[in-house]
Amino acid sequence: MKKVLALSSVLILSILFLYFFANELINYYEFKTLAKQISNNYAIVYIDPTYLVFYGTFLFIPPYVWCVFKLQLFGKESLGIAVKLTAVTTLAALAISIPGQIIEHQRQKSIAREHGFVDCPSFTLLSSTHIVEAMVKDPQYCTDDEITSIAKYGYFRELSEVNAYVDKVYDMKTPQPATDI
């Protein structure tokens, strides 16, 4: 009975994790990509490469579940290749998640620069977050107190409100390309 309970728990948790991460990945591609932000003509965009963690999760969970099942059903002796596969996929997941995010961050910044966005100076817009970075069409947005108060956390749902504020206050429906700071 313990084995059935343990296996059921692992399977249910794994399916829930995969479902959650699949939803997040779909949500990212539908609403949050840099291309979507640029096509929406936003004056401020967020650079966020954390979606790569979801790919790492998809690599890691299936072999892990297979390893747990083999251990519970057949014992330690049967783990040979399952442990090796789990180790390899764990390393691959880490390789995608860690260096992949660094590379993707630079790639997204490069794309944003090609579309006329510039970095905000240190200790301005989104300086309290370590994951998401803001880039702007006009450097004055970086120091605007209202924009800073709206865009506190780097959540993508803040972008439409921030850009509505920019359109209203700066009276710019189509932001002009900025010069580098």
Foldseek 3Di string as FASTA:
>chain_A
DVLVVVLVVLVVVLVVLLVVLVVVLVCCVVAQDLVNCVVQLFQKHKQFLQNLLSVLSVLQSPLVSVQSNCCSPPNPVPNVVSVVSNVVSNVVSCVCRPVVSVVSSVVSVVVVVVVQWEFADAPFAQNVDDGMGMTGQENVCRHDPVLNVLRVHPDSVSRVVSRVVCCVPVVDPRRHRYDYD
